[in-house]
């Protein structure tokens, strides 16, 4: 697994320029792989000053929370059903 930060081409504006910044996650395995790009920030350059404005990716956070909740429910149900089966056989 590799995690890199990638900067896009500067985009000129009336007041300066902006540069998009993305985070790239690369997963490789034999016969394939996965590249996942997500926005990380925008660098705003006005004259001699430069500032970085982070991008909060609410969609990715929401999807991660849903998947994590699903895994927790599945694990909880599995544990519950295993205990229930053991108690049935003990009677």
N, C-alpha and C. Protein backbone atom coordinates (compact mmCIF):
# COMPACT_ATOMS: atom_id res chain seq x y z
N UNK A 1 0.84 -1.17 0.00
CA UNK A 1 0.00 0.00 0.00
C UNK A 1 0.89 1.24 0.00
N UNK A 2 0.54 2.20 -0.83
CA UNK A 2 1.26 3.46 -0.94
C UNK A 2 0.28 4.61 -0.79
N UNK A 3 0.66 5.63 -0.03
CA UNK A 3 -0.15 6.84 0.09
C UNK A 3 0.72 8.02 -0.32
N UNK A 4 0.27 8.76 -1.33
CA UNK A 4 1.01 9.91 -1.84
C UNK A 4 0.11 11.13 -1.90
N UNK A 5 0.73 12.29 -1.96
CA UNK A 5 0.00 13.53 -2.19
C UNK A 5 0.37 14.02 -3.58
N UNK A 6 -0.65 14.37 -4.36
CA UNK A 6 -0.44 14.79 -5.74
C UNK A 6 -0.97 16.21 -5.92
N UNK A 7 -0.17 17.06 -6.55
CA UNK A 7 -0.59 18.43 -6.82
C UNK A 7 -0.98 18.56 -8.29
N UNK A 8 -2.09 19.23 -8.53
CA UNK A 8 -2.54 19.46 -9.90
C UNK A 8 -1.87 20.69 -10.50
N UNK A 9 -2.25 21.01 -11.71
CA UNK A 9 -1.72 22.19 -12.39
C UNK A 9 -2.30 23.46 -11.77
N UNK A 10 -1.50 24.51 -11.64
CA UNK A 10 -2.02 25.77 -11.11
C UNK A 10 -3.11 26.33 -12.02
N UNK A 11 -4.15 26.86 -11.41
CA UNK A 11 -5.27 27.45 -12.15
C UNK A 11 -5.25 28.96 -11.88
N UNK A 12 -5.00 29.76 -12.92
CA UNK A 12 -4.94 31.20 -12.71
C UNK A 12 -6.34 31.78 -12.45
N UNK A 13 -6.40 32.74 -11.54
CA UNK A 13 -7.64 33.47 -11.26
C UNK A 13 -7.33 34.96 -11.32
N UNK A 14 -8.33 35.76 -11.15
CA UNK A 14 -8.17 37.21 -11.18
C UNK A 14 -7.27 37.70 -10.04
N UNK A 15 -7.30 36.97 -8.92
CA UNK A 15 -6.59 37.43 -7.72
C UNK A 15 -5.29 36.67 -7.44
N UNK A 16 -4.97 35.68 -8.23
CA UNK A 16 -3.77 34.88 -8.00
C UNK A 16 -3.94 33.54 -8.70
N UNK A 17 -3.64 32.48 -8.00
CA UNK A 17 -3.85 31.15 -8.57
C UNK A 17 -4.18 30.16 -7.46
N UNK A 18 -4.82 29.07 -7.88
CA UNK A 18 -5.14 27.99 -6.95
C UNK A 18 -4.54 26.70 -7.49
N UNK A 19 -4.15 25.83 -6.56
CA UNK A 19 -3.56 24.55 -6.93
C UNK A 19 -4.32 23.45 -6.19
N UNK A 20 -4.99 22.56 -6.93
CA UNK A 20 -5.67 21.45 -6.26
C UNK A 20 -4.67 20.41 -5.74
N UNK A 21 -4.96 19.86 -4.57
CA UNK A 21 -4.10 18.84 -3.96
C UNK A 21 -4.96 17.62 -3.68
N UNK A 22 -4.49 16.44 -4.09
CA UNK A 22 -5.23 15.19 -3.89
C UNK A 22 -4.38 14.19 -3.12
N UNK A 23 -5.04 13.33 -2.39
CA UNK A 23 -4.36 12.23 -1.71
C UNK A 23 -4.64 10.98 -2.54
N UNK A 24 -3.59 10.24 -2.84
CA UNK A 24 -3.68 9.05 -3.68
C UNK A 24 -3.29 7.83 -2.85
N UNK A 25 -4.19 6.85 -2.78
CA UNK A 25 -3.91 5.59 -2.10
C UNK A 25 -3.83 4.51 -3.18
N UNK A 26 -2.71 3.80 -3.21
CA UNK A 26 -2.49 2.75 -4.21
C UNK A 26 -2.34 1.41 -3.52
N UNK A 27 -3.15 0.46 -3.93
CA UNK A 27 -3.05 -0.93 -3.45
C UNK A 27 -2.73 -1.79 -4.66
N UNK A 28 -1.72 -2.62 -4.54
CA UNK A 28 -1.32 -3.50 -5.63
C UNK A 28 -1.31 -4.94 -5.15
N UNK A 29 -1.75 -5.83 -6.01
CA UNK A 29 -1.67 -7.26 -5.76
C UNK A 29 -1.42 -7.95 -7.10
N UNK A 30 -0.99 -9.19 -7.08
CA UNK A 30 -0.69 -9.88 -8.34
C UNK A 30 -1.92 -9.90 -9.26
N UNK A 31 -1.75 -9.40 -10.45
CA UNK A 31 -2.84 -9.41 -11.42
C UNK A 31 -3.75 -8.19 -11.35
N UNK A 32 -3.45 -7.21 -10.52
CA UNK A 32 -4.33 -6.05 -10.46
C UNK A 32 -3.94 -5.06 -9.40
N UNK A 33 -4.88 -4.20 -9.09
CA UNK A 33 -4.63 -3.19 -8.07
C UNK A 33 -5.77 -2.20 -8.00
N UNK A 34 -5.60 -1.22 -7.14
CA UNK A 34 -6.63 -0.21 -6.93
C UNK A 34 -5.96 1.13 -6.68
N UNK A 35 -6.42 2.16 -7.38
CA UNK A 35 -5.99 3.54 -7.13
C UNK A 35 -7.21 4.31 -6.65
N UNK A 36 -7.07 4.97 -5.50
CA UNK A 36 -8.17 5.75 -4.94
C UNK A 36 -7.68 7.17 -4.75
N UNK A 37 -8.27 8.10 -5.50
CA UNK A 37 -7.91 9.51 -5.41
C UNK A 37 -9.03 10.25 -4.68
N UNK A 38 -8.63 11.11 -3.75
CA UNK A 38 -9.64 11.92 -3.08
C UNK A 38 -9.08 13.31 -2.84
N UNK A 39 -9.95 14.32 -2.88
CA UNK A 39 -9.46 15.68 -2.68
C UNK A 39 -8.94 15.87 -1.27
N UNK A 40 -7.84 16.57 -1.13
CA UNK A 40 -7.24 16.80 0.18
C UNK A 40 -7.26 18.29 0.56
N UNK A 41 -6.93 19.15 -0.40
CA UNK A 41 -6.86 20.58 -0.09
C UNK A 41 -6.79 21.39 -1.38
N UNK A 42 -6.86 22.70 -1.19
CA UNK A 42 -6.62 23.65 -2.28
C UNK A 42 -5.62 24.66 -1.74
N UNK A 43 -4.55 24.87 -2.49
CA UNK A 43 -3.57 25.88 -2.10
C UNK A 43 -3.90 27.18 -2.84
N UNK A 44 -4.10 28.23 -2.08
CA UNK A 44 -4.45 29.54 -2.64
C UNK A 44 -3.21 30.42 -2.57
N UNK A 45 -2.78 30.92 -3.72
CA UNK A 45 -1.60 31.78 -3.77
C UNK A 45 -2.01 33.16 -4.27
N UNK A 46 -1.79 34.16 -3.40
CA UNK A 46 -2.08 35.55 -3.76
C UNK A 46 -0.82 36.37 -3.52
N UNK A 47 -0.21 36.82 -4.60
CA UNK A 47 1.04 37.57 -4.47
C UNK A 47 2.12 36.69 -3.86
N UNK A 48 2.72 37.16 -2.76
CA UNK A 48 3.77 36.41 -2.08
C UNK A 48 3.23 35.48 -1.01
N UNK A 49 1.96 35.61 -0.68
CA UNK A 49 1.40 34.77 0.39
C UNK A 49 0.72 33.53 -0.20
N UNK A 50 0.77 32.48 0.57
CA UNK A 50 0.17 31.21 0.16
C UNK A 50 -0.49 30.58 1.38
N UNK A 51 -1.68 30.02 1.20
CA UNK A 51 -2.33 29.31 2.30
C UNK A 51 -2.99 28.05 1.77
N UNK A 52 -3.11 27.11 2.64
CA UNK A 52 -3.68 25.80 2.29
C UNK A 52 -5.05 25.69 2.94
N UNK A 53 -6.07 25.41 2.13
CA UNK A 53 -7.44 25.26 2.61
C UNK A 53 -7.80 23.78 2.52
N UNK A 54 -7.92 23.09 3.66
CA UNK A 54 -8.24 21.66 3.61
C UNK A 54 -9.67 21.42 3.14
N UNK A 55 -9.88 20.29 2.49
CA UNK A 55 -11.21 19.88 2.03
C UNK A 55 -11.67 18.74 2.93
N UNK A 56 -12.77 18.96 3.62
CA UNK A 56 -13.35 17.91 4.46
C UNK A 56 -14.27 17.07 3.60
N UNK A 57 -13.89 15.83 3.37
CA UNK A 57 -14.65 14.93 2.50
C UNK A 57 -15.70 14.20 3.33
N UNK A 58 -16.87 14.81 3.48
CA UNK A 58 -17.94 14.24 4.31
C UNK A 58 -18.47 12.93 3.73
N UNK A 59 -18.49 12.80 2.41
CA UNK A 59 -19.00 11.57 1.79
C UNK A 59 -18.14 10.37 2.16
N UNK A 60 -16.83 10.50 2.06
CA UNK A 60 -15.94 9.38 2.42
C UNK A 60 -16.08 9.02 3.89
N UNK A 61 -16.19 10.03 4.73
CA UNK A 61 -16.36 9.78 6.16
C UNK A 61 -17.67 9.05 6.44
N UNK A 62 -18.74 9.45 5.76
CA UNK A 62 -20.04 8.80 5.94
C UNK A 62 -20.00 7.35 5.46
N UNK A 63 -19.41 7.11 4.30
CA UNK A 63 -19.32 5.74 3.78
C UNK A 63 -18.50 4.87 4.73
N UNK A 64 -17.38 5.38 5.23
CA UNK A 64 -16.55 4.64 6.17
C UNK A 64 -17.34 4.29 7.43
N UNK A 65 -18.11 5.25 7.94
CA UNK A 65 -18.92 5.01 9.14
C UNK A 65 -19.98 3.94 8.89
N UNK A 66 -20.62 3.97 7.73
CA UNK A 66 -21.65 2.97 7.39
C UNK A 66 -21.02 1.58 7.31
N UNK A 67 -19.88 1.46 6.64
CA UNK A 67 -19.21 0.16 6.51
C UNK A 67 -18.77 -0.35 7.88
N UNK A 68 -18.20 0.51 8.70
CA UNK A 68 -17.75 0.12 10.03
C UNK A 68 -18.93 -0.33 10.90
N UNK A 69 -20.05 0.38 10.81
CA UNK A 69 -21.25 0.00 11.56
C UNK A 69 -21.77 -1.35 11.08
N UNK A 70 -21.78 -1.58 9.78
CA UNK A 70 -22.21 -2.86 9.24
C UNK A 70 -21.35 -4.01 9.72
N UNK A 71 -20.03 -3.81 9.76
CA UNK A 71 -19.13 -4.85 10.25
C UNK A 71 -19.36 -5.12 11.73
N UNK A 72 -19.59 -4.06 12.51
CA UNK A 72 -19.83 -4.23 13.95
C UNK A 72 -21.13 -4.99 14.19
N UNK A 73 -22.18 -4.68 13.43
CA UNK A 73 -23.46 -5.39 13.58
C UNK A 73 -23.30 -6.85 13.18
N UNK A 74 -22.60 -7.12 12.08
CA UNK A 74 -22.38 -8.50 11.65
C UNK A 74 -21.60 -9.29 12.69
N UNK A 75 -20.56 -8.70 13.26
CA UNK A 75 -19.78 -9.37 14.29
C UNK A 75 -20.62 -9.61 15.54
N UNK A 76 -21.41 -8.61 15.92
CA UNK A 76 -22.28 -8.77 17.09
C UNK A 76 -23.31 -9.86 16.90
N UNK A 77 -23.94 -9.90 15.73
CA UNK A 77 -24.94 -10.94 15.45
C UNK A 77 -24.29 -12.33 15.42
N UNK A 78 -23.11 -12.43 14.84
CA UNK A 78 -22.41 -13.71 14.79
C UNK A 78 -22.11 -14.21 16.19
N UNK A 79 -21.61 -13.34 17.05
CA UNK A 79 -21.31 -13.71 18.43
C UNK A 79 -22.58 -14.12 19.17
N UNK A 80 -23.65 -13.36 18.99
CA UNK A 80 -24.92 -13.66 19.63
C UNK A 80 -25.46 -15.03 19.20
N UNK A 81 -25.42 -15.31 17.90
CA UNK A 81 -25.94 -16.58 17.40
C UNK A 81 -25.09 -17.77 17.86
N UNK A 82 -23.77 -17.60 17.93
CA UNK A 82 -22.91 -18.68 18.42
C UNK A 82 -23.20 -19.00 19.87
N UNK A 83 -23.38 -17.97 20.69
CA UNK A 83 -23.70 -18.20 22.11
C UNK A 83 -25.07 -18.85 22.26
N UNK A 84 -25.99 -18.43 21.44
CA UNK A 84 -27.35 -18.99 21.51
C UNK A 84 -27.33 -20.49 21.16
N UNK A 85 -26.56 -20.86 20.15
CA UNK A 85 -26.46 -22.27 19.76
C UNK A 85 -25.81 -23.10 20.88
N UNK A 86 -24.80 -22.55 21.53
CA UNK A 86 -24.14 -23.26 22.63
C UNK A 86 -25.11 -23.51 23.78
N UNK A 87 -25.92 -22.51 24.10
CA UNK A 87 -26.88 -22.66 25.20
C UNK A 87 -27.96 -23.69 24.87
N UNK A 88 -28.34 -23.81 23.60
CA UNK A 88 -29.33 -24.81 23.19
C UNK A 88 -28.78 -26.22 23.40
N UNK A 89 -27.51 -26.42 23.05
CA UNK A 89 -26.90 -27.74 23.17
C UNK A 89 -26.59 -28.11 24.62
N UNK A 90 -26.44 -27.13 25.49
CA UNK A 90 -26.14 -27.40 26.90
C UNK A 90 -27.37 -27.88 27.67
N UNK A 91 -28.56 -27.64 27.19
CA UNK A 91 -29.79 -28.01 27.92
C UNK A 91 -30.04 -29.47 27.93
